[in-house]
C-alpha atoms as a PDB file:
ATOM      1  CA  MET A   1      86.618 -28.172 -74.850  1.00  0.00           C
ATOM      2  CA  ASP A   2      86.440 -27.912 -78.642  1.00  0.00           C
ATOM      3  CA  LYS A   3      85.496 -24.792 -80.587  1.00  0.00           C
ATOM      4  CA  GLN A   4      81.887 -25.921 -81.241  1.00  0.00           C
ATOM      5  CA  GLN A   5      81.211 -26.530 -77.553  1.00  0.00           C
ATOM      6  CA  ASN A   6      82.869 -23.207 -76.789  1.00  0.00           C
ATOM      7  CA  LYS A   7      80.471 -21.365 -79.148  1.00  0.00           C
ATOM      8  CA  GLU A   8      77.477 -22.868 -77.393  1.00  0.00           C
ATOM      9  CA  ALA A   9      78.759 -21.794 -73.985  1.00  0.00           C
ATOM     10  CA  ILE A  10      79.263 -18.106 -74.794  1.00  0.00           C
ATOM     11  CA  THR A  11      77.967 -15.935 -71.977  1.00  0.00           C
ATOM     12  CA  ALA A  12      76.888 -12.294 -71.931  1.00  0.00           C
ATOM     13  CA  ALA A  13      80.292 -11.424 -70.450  1.00  0.00           C
ATOM     14  CA  ASP A  14      81.983 -13.271 -73.326  1.00  0.00           C
ATOM     15  CA  LEU A  15      79.907 -11.301 -75.855  1.00  0.00           C
ATOM     16  CA  ASP A  16      80.920  -8.055 -74.172  1.00  0.00           C
ATOM     17  CA  ARG A  17      84.566  -9.108 -74.363  1.00  0.00           C
ATOM     18  CA  ILE A  18      84.243 -10.116 -78.035  1.00  0.00           C
ATOM     19  CA  VAL A  19      82.774  -6.690 -78.866  1.00  0.00           C
ATOM     20  CA  GLU A  20      85.531  -4.991 -76.881  1.00  0.00           C
ATOM     21  CA  MET A  21      88.236  -7.000 -78.653  1.00  0.00           C
ATOM     22  CA  ALA A  22      86.664  -6.299 -82.060  1.00  0.00           C
ATOM     23  CA  TRP A  23      86.765  -2.547 -81.322  1.00  0.00           C
ATOM     24  CA  GLU A  24      90.463  -2.710 -80.429  1.00  0.00           C
ATOM     25  CA  ASP A  25      92.532  -1.930 -83.497  1.00  0.00           C
ATOM     26  CA  ARG A  26      95.435  -4.176 -82.536  1.00  0.00           C
ATOM     27  CA  THR A  27      93.405  -7.289 -81.698  1.00  0.00           C
ATOM     28  CA  SER A  28      93.111  -9.477 -84.775  1.00  0.00           C
ATOM     29  CA  PHE A  29      90.121 -11.585 -85.749  1.00  0.00           C
ATOM     30  CA  ASP A  30      92.451 -14.576 -85.450  1.00  0.00           C
ATOM     31  CA  THR A  31      93.011 -13.772 -81.770  1.00  0.00           C
ATOM     32  CA  ILE A  32      89.262 -13.631 -81.188  1.00  0.00           C
ATOM     33  CA  TYR A  33      88.919 -16.984 -82.944  1.00  0.00           C
ATOM     34  CA  ASP A  34      91.706 -18.521 -80.867  1.00  0.00           C
ATOM     35  CA  GLN A  35      90.145 -17.335 -77.629  1.00  0.00           C
ATOM     36  CA  PHE A  36      86.421 -17.852 -78.324  1.00  0.00           C
ATOM     37  CA  GLY A  37      86.142 -20.008 -81.467  1.00  0.00           C
ATOM     38  CA  ILE A  38      84.269 -17.215 -83.260  1.00  0.00           C
ATOM     39  CA  SER A  39      85.110 -16.595 -86.943  1.00  0.00           C
ATOM     40  CA  GLU A  40      85.455 -13.151 -88.516  1.00  0.00           C
ATOM     41  CA  ALA A  41      82.017 -13.495 -90.137  1.00  0.00           C
ATOM     42  CA  GLU A  42      80.484 -14.392 -86.778  1.00  0.00           C
ATOM     43  CA  VAL A  43      82.202 -11.414 -85.120  1.00  0.00           C
ATOM     44  CA  ILE A  44      80.698  -9.156 -87.779  1.00  0.00           C
ATOM     45  CA  LYS A  45      77.232 -10.606 -87.056  1.00  0.00           C
ATOM     46  CA  ILE A  46      77.725 -10.044 -83.319  1.00  0.00           C
ATOM     47  CA  MET A  47      78.855  -6.472 -83.928  1.00  0.00           C
ATOM     48  CA  ARG A  48      75.872  -5.810 -86.204  1.00  0.00           C
ATOM     49  CA  LYS A  49      73.447  -7.053 -83.521  1.00  0.00           C
ATOM     50  CA  SER A  50      75.218  -5.249 -80.661  1.00  0.00           C
ATOM     51  CA  MET A  51      75.437  -1.751 -82.116  1.00  0.00           C
ATOM     52  CA  LYS A  52      73.394   0.996 -83.622  1.00  0.00           C
ATOM     53  CA  ARG A  53      73.506   0.895 -87.416  1.00  0.00           C
ATOM     54  CA  SER A  54      75.643   4.044 -87.683  1.00  0.00           C
ATOM     55  CA  SER A  55      78.158   2.720 -85.141  1.00  0.00           C
ATOM     56  CA  PHE A  56      78.361  -0.617 -86.930  1.00  0.00           C
ATOM     57  CA  LEU A  57      78.948   1.056 -90.295  1.00  0.00           C
ATOM     58  CA  MET A  58      81.662   3.266 -88.797  1.00  0.00           C
ATOM     59  CA  TRP A  59      83.378   0.214 -87.216  1.00  0.00           C
ATOM     60  CA  ARG A  60      83.052  -1.841 -90.407  1.00  0.00           C
ATOM     61  CA  GLU A  61      84.584   0.913 -92.529  1.00  0.00           C
ATOM     62  CA  ARG A  62      87.439   1.283 -90.041  1.00  0.00           C
ATOM     63  CA  VAL A  63      88.363  -2.420 -89.913  1.00  0.00           C
ATOM     64  CA  SER A  64      87.701  -3.369 -93.539  1.00  0.00           C
ATOM     65  CA  GLY A  65      91.149  -2.567 -94.865  1.00  0.00           C
ATOM     66  CA  ARG A  66      93.057  -2.658 -91.596  1.00  0.00           C
ATOM     67  CA  LYS A  67      96.044  -4.978 -91.635  1.00  0.00           C
ATOM     68  CA  THR A  68      96.134  -5.306 -87.843  1.00  0.00           C
ATOM     69  CA  LYS A  69      92.741  -7.040 -87.801  1.00  0.00           C
ATOM     70  CA  HIS A  70      94.251  -9.937 -89.767  1.00  0.00           C
ATOM     71  CA  ALA A  71      97.230 -11.560 -88.047  1.00  0.00           C
ATOM     72  CA  LYS A  72      98.725 -12.951 -91.266  1.00  0.00           C
ATOM     73  CA  THR A  73      99.119  -9.470 -92.765  1.00  0.00           C
ATOM     74  CA  SER A  74      99.823  -7.614 -89.551  1.00  0.00           C
ATOM     75  CA  GLU A  75     103.260  -6.338 -88.675  1.00  0.00           C
ATOM     76  CA  ALA A  76     102.046  -5.219 -85.258  1.00  0.00           C
ATOM     77  CA  GLN A  77     103.507  -6.810 -82.177  1.00  0.00           C
ATOM     78  CA  ARG A  78     101.172  -8.980 -80.146  1.00  0.00           C
ATOM     79  CA  PHE A  79      99.291  -6.715 -77.771  1.00  0.00           C
ATOM     80  CA  ARG A  80      98.128  -8.233 -74.510  1.00  0.00           C
ATOM     81  CA  CYS A  81      95.530  -6.392 -72.476  1.00  0.00           C
ATOM     82  CA  SER A  82      96.102  -6.530 -68.710  1.00  0.00           C
ATOM     83  CA  GLN A  83      92.607  -8.013 -68.309  1.00  0.00           C
ATOM     84  CA  GLN A  84      92.908 -10.589 -71.090  1.00  0.00           C
ATOM     85  CA  ASP A  85      93.772 -13.537 -68.838  1.00  0.00           C
ATOM     86  CA  LYS A  86      90.511 -13.049 -66.947  1.00  0.00           C
ATOM     87  CA  PHE A  87      88.562 -13.848 -70.104  1.00  0.00           C
ATOM     88  CA  LYS A  88      90.415 -16.897 -71.411  1.00  0.00           C
ATOM     89  CA  SER A  89      88.317 -19.761 -72.683  1.00  0.00           C
ATOM     90  CA  ARG A  90      87.173 -22.100 -70.033  1.00  0.00           C
END
C-alpha cells in the first residue's frame, strides 16, 4: 500500500495514535510519516483540529524548536513504545 492510499484509509484509531505520537517528545515527525504517510504539516493540522486552542498552542511552542521531533537533527536513541507494533500500517 503506498502512502497516498494509506492517507485515505486513516481510521479514528489511527488519528488517536497520530495525536499520541505527536505528543511524545521522543517520537519524530519522520517516524509518524514512515508509519502513517502523514507529513509534519499534516500532523500540525490534525493536532489543531483535535485540541483546544490553548492546548494546541502549548504543544506547538513545545515542539517548535525541539530537536527530537526531527530525526535528522536528533541525537536521541530510537524509542519504541510497547504498543507501537499494534498500530503499524496495514
